[in-house]
Amino acid sequence: MAKIKITQIKSVIDRSERQKKTIEALGLRKLNHSVEVEATPAIIGMVRKVNHLVAVETI
């Protein structure tokens, strides 16, 4: 599997609880925090749900 780098670029303030939990499940903690994860179907699905809050790069 390919690895992707996910960076939180917008705040979760005033977002739904579901979006907040998705950001937390991706391992993101605060603005401009990045994580490198395997591009599994589950991770890709989570990224699609919060694509307006994160930036994604392939590694």
N, C-alpha and C. Protein backbone atom coordinates (compact mmCIF):
# COMPACT_ATOMS: atom_id res chain seq x y z
N MET A 1 0.83 -1.19 0.00
CA MET A 1 0.00 0.00 0.00
C MET A 1 0.88 1.25 0.00
N ALA A 2 0.36 2.28 -0.61
CA ALA A 2 1.06 3.56 -0.63
C ALA A 2 0.84 4.28 0.70
N LYS A 3 1.76 5.16 1.01
CA LYS A 3 1.60 5.97 2.21
C LYS A 3 1.15 7.36 1.80
N ILE A 4 0.34 7.99 2.65
CA ILE A 4 -0.09 9.35 2.42
C ILE A 4 0.20 10.19 3.65
N LYS A 5 0.42 11.47 3.44
CA LYS A 5 0.65 12.42 4.52
C LYS A 5 -0.58 13.29 4.61
N ILE A 6 -1.21 13.31 5.79
CA ILE A 6 -2.43 14.08 6.01
C ILE A 6 -2.10 15.21 6.97
N THR A 7 -2.44 16.44 6.60
CA THR A 7 -2.17 17.61 7.42
C THR A 7 -3.48 18.33 7.68
N GLN A 8 -3.75 18.65 8.94
CA GLN A 8 -4.95 19.41 9.27
C GLN A 8 -4.70 20.88 8.96
N ILE A 9 -5.55 21.46 8.11
CA ILE A 9 -5.34 22.85 7.71
C ILE A 9 -6.44 23.79 8.20
N LYS A 10 -7.53 23.23 8.72
CA LYS A 10 -8.62 24.05 9.27
C LYS A 10 -9.03 23.50 10.62
N SER A 11 -9.59 24.38 11.43
CA SER A 11 -10.00 24.03 12.78
C SER A 11 -11.28 23.20 12.79
N VAL A 12 -11.45 22.43 13.86
CA VAL A 12 -12.68 21.64 14.02
C VAL A 12 -13.71 22.37 14.88
N ILE A 13 -13.41 23.58 15.27
CA ILE A 13 -14.38 24.38 16.02
C ILE A 13 -15.60 24.63 15.14
N ASP A 14 -16.78 24.49 15.70
CA ASP A 14 -18.06 24.65 14.99
C ASP A 14 -18.28 23.59 13.91
N ARG A 15 -17.65 22.45 14.04
CA ARG A 15 -17.89 21.32 13.13
C ARG A 15 -18.71 20.28 13.87
N SER A 16 -19.31 19.37 13.14
CA SER A 16 -20.13 18.34 13.77
C SER A 16 -19.25 17.41 14.61
N GLU A 17 -19.87 16.75 15.56
CA GLU A 17 -19.15 15.82 16.42
C GLU A 17 -18.55 14.67 15.60
N ARG A 18 -19.24 14.27 14.56
CA ARG A 18 -18.76 13.20 13.69
C ARG A 18 -17.45 13.59 13.00
N GLN A 19 -17.38 14.84 12.53
CA GLN A 19 -16.16 15.31 11.88
C GLN A 19 -15.02 15.43 12.88
N LYS A 20 -15.31 15.88 14.09
CA LYS A 20 -14.29 15.99 15.14
C LYS A 20 -13.71 14.61 15.45
N LYS A 21 -14.58 13.61 15.57
CA LYS A 21 -14.11 12.26 15.88
C LYS A 21 -13.33 11.66 14.72
N THR A 22 -13.69 12.00 13.50
CA THR A 22 -12.95 11.51 12.34
C THR A 22 -11.54 12.08 12.32
N ILE A 23 -11.41 13.38 12.59
CA ILE A 23 -10.10 14.02 12.65
C ILE A 23 -9.26 13.36 13.75
N GLU A 24 -9.87 13.11 14.90
CA GLU A 24 -9.16 12.45 16.01
C GLU A 24 -8.75 11.03 15.63
N ALA A 25 -9.62 10.31 14.92
CA ALA A 25 -9.32 8.94 14.52
C ALA A 25 -8.17 8.88 13.51
N LEU A 26 -8.01 9.94 12.74
CA LEU A 26 -6.89 10.01 11.80
C LEU A 26 -5.58 10.30 12.51
N GLY A 27 -5.65 10.69 13.79
CA GLY A 27 -4.44 10.95 14.55
C GLY A 27 -4.02 12.41 14.56
N LEU A 28 -4.90 13.28 14.09
CA LEU A 28 -4.57 14.70 14.05
C LEU A 28 -5.01 15.37 15.35
N ARG A 29 -4.18 16.28 15.86
CA ARG A 29 -4.42 16.88 17.15
C ARG A 29 -4.68 18.38 17.09
N LYS A 30 -3.98 19.08 16.21
CA LYS A 30 -4.14 20.53 16.14
C LYS A 30 -3.80 21.01 14.73
N LEU A 31 -3.98 22.28 14.47
CA LEU A 31 -3.70 22.83 13.16
C LEU A 31 -2.26 22.60 12.75
N ASN A 32 -2.07 22.32 11.48
CA ASN A 32 -0.76 22.07 10.87
C ASN A 32 -0.05 20.83 11.40
N HIS A 33 -0.76 19.98 12.12
CA HIS A 33 -0.21 18.70 12.57
C HIS A 33 -0.35 17.71 11.42
N SER A 34 0.69 16.93 11.17
CA SER A 34 0.68 15.96 10.07
C SER A 34 0.90 14.55 10.58
N VAL A 35 0.32 13.60 9.87
CA VAL A 35 0.55 12.18 10.15
C VAL A 35 0.77 11.47 8.83
N GLU A 36 1.58 10.42 8.87
CA GLU A 36 1.81 9.57 7.70
C GLU A 36 1.15 8.23 7.98
N VAL A 37 0.25 7.82 7.09
CA VAL A 37 -0.50 6.58 7.27
C VAL A 37 -0.55 5.81 5.96
N GLU A 38 -0.86 4.53 6.06
CA GLU A 38 -1.08 3.70 4.88
C GLU A 38 -2.41 4.11 4.23
N ALA A 39 -2.45 4.10 2.93
CA ALA A 39 -3.66 4.51 2.19
C ALA A 39 -4.62 3.33 2.05
N THR A 40 -5.21 2.92 3.16
CA THR A 40 -6.19 1.84 3.14
C THR A 40 -7.55 2.41 2.76
N PRO A 41 -8.49 1.57 2.34
CA PRO A 41 -9.82 2.07 2.01
C PRO A 41 -10.50 2.79 3.17
N ALA A 42 -10.28 2.33 4.40
CA ALA A 42 -10.88 2.98 5.56
C ALA A 42 -10.33 4.39 5.76
N ILE A 43 -9.01 4.53 5.64
CA ILE A 43 -8.38 5.85 5.80
C ILE A 43 -8.84 6.79 4.70
N ILE A 44 -8.89 6.30 3.46
CA ILE A 44 -9.32 7.13 2.34
C ILE A 44 -10.76 7.60 2.54
N GLY A 45 -11.60 6.74 3.06
CA GLY A 45 -12.98 7.12 3.35
C GLY A 45 -13.07 8.20 4.40
N MET A 46 -12.25 8.09 5.45
CA MET A 46 -12.24 9.12 6.49
C MET A 46 -11.75 10.45 5.93
N VAL A 47 -10.73 10.40 5.08
CA VAL A 47 -10.20 11.63 4.48
C VAL A 47 -11.27 12.30 3.62
N ARG A 48 -12.03 11.52 2.89
CA ARG A 48 -13.09 12.09 2.05
C ARG A 48 -14.15 12.80 2.89
N LYS A 49 -14.43 12.29 4.08
CA LYS A 49 -15.45 12.90 4.94
C LYS A 49 -15.00 14.25 5.49
N VAL A 50 -13.70 14.45 5.63
CA VAL A 50 -13.20 15.71 6.19
C VAL A 50 -12.22 16.39 5.23
N ASN A 51 -12.42 16.19 3.92
CA ASN A 51 -11.48 16.73 2.94
C ASN A 51 -11.40 18.26 2.95
N HIS A 52 -12.42 18.93 3.48
CA HIS A 52 -12.40 20.38 3.57
C HIS A 52 -11.57 20.87 4.76
N LEU A 53 -11.13 19.96 5.63
CA LEU A 53 -10.34 20.31 6.82
C LEU A 53 -8.88 19.88 6.71
N VAL A 54 -8.57 19.05 5.73
CA VAL A 54 -7.21 18.48 5.65
C VAL A 54 -6.61 18.65 4.25
N ALA A 55 -5.30 18.52 4.19
CA ALA A 55 -4.57 18.46 2.93
C ALA A 55 -3.90 17.11 2.87
N VAL A 56 -3.87 16.50 1.68
CA VAL A 56 -3.34 15.16 1.52
C VAL A 56 -2.23 15.17 0.47
N GLU A 57 -1.11 14.51 0.80
CA GLU A 57 0.00 14.37 -0.15
C GLU A 57 0.38 12.90 -0.21
N THR A 58 0.77 12.44 -1.38
CA THR A 58 1.29 11.08 -1.48
C THR A 58 2.79 11.10 -1.19
N ILE A 59 3.27 10.01 -0.62
CA ILE A 59 4.69 9.92 -0.27
C ILE A 59 5.35 8.87 -1.14
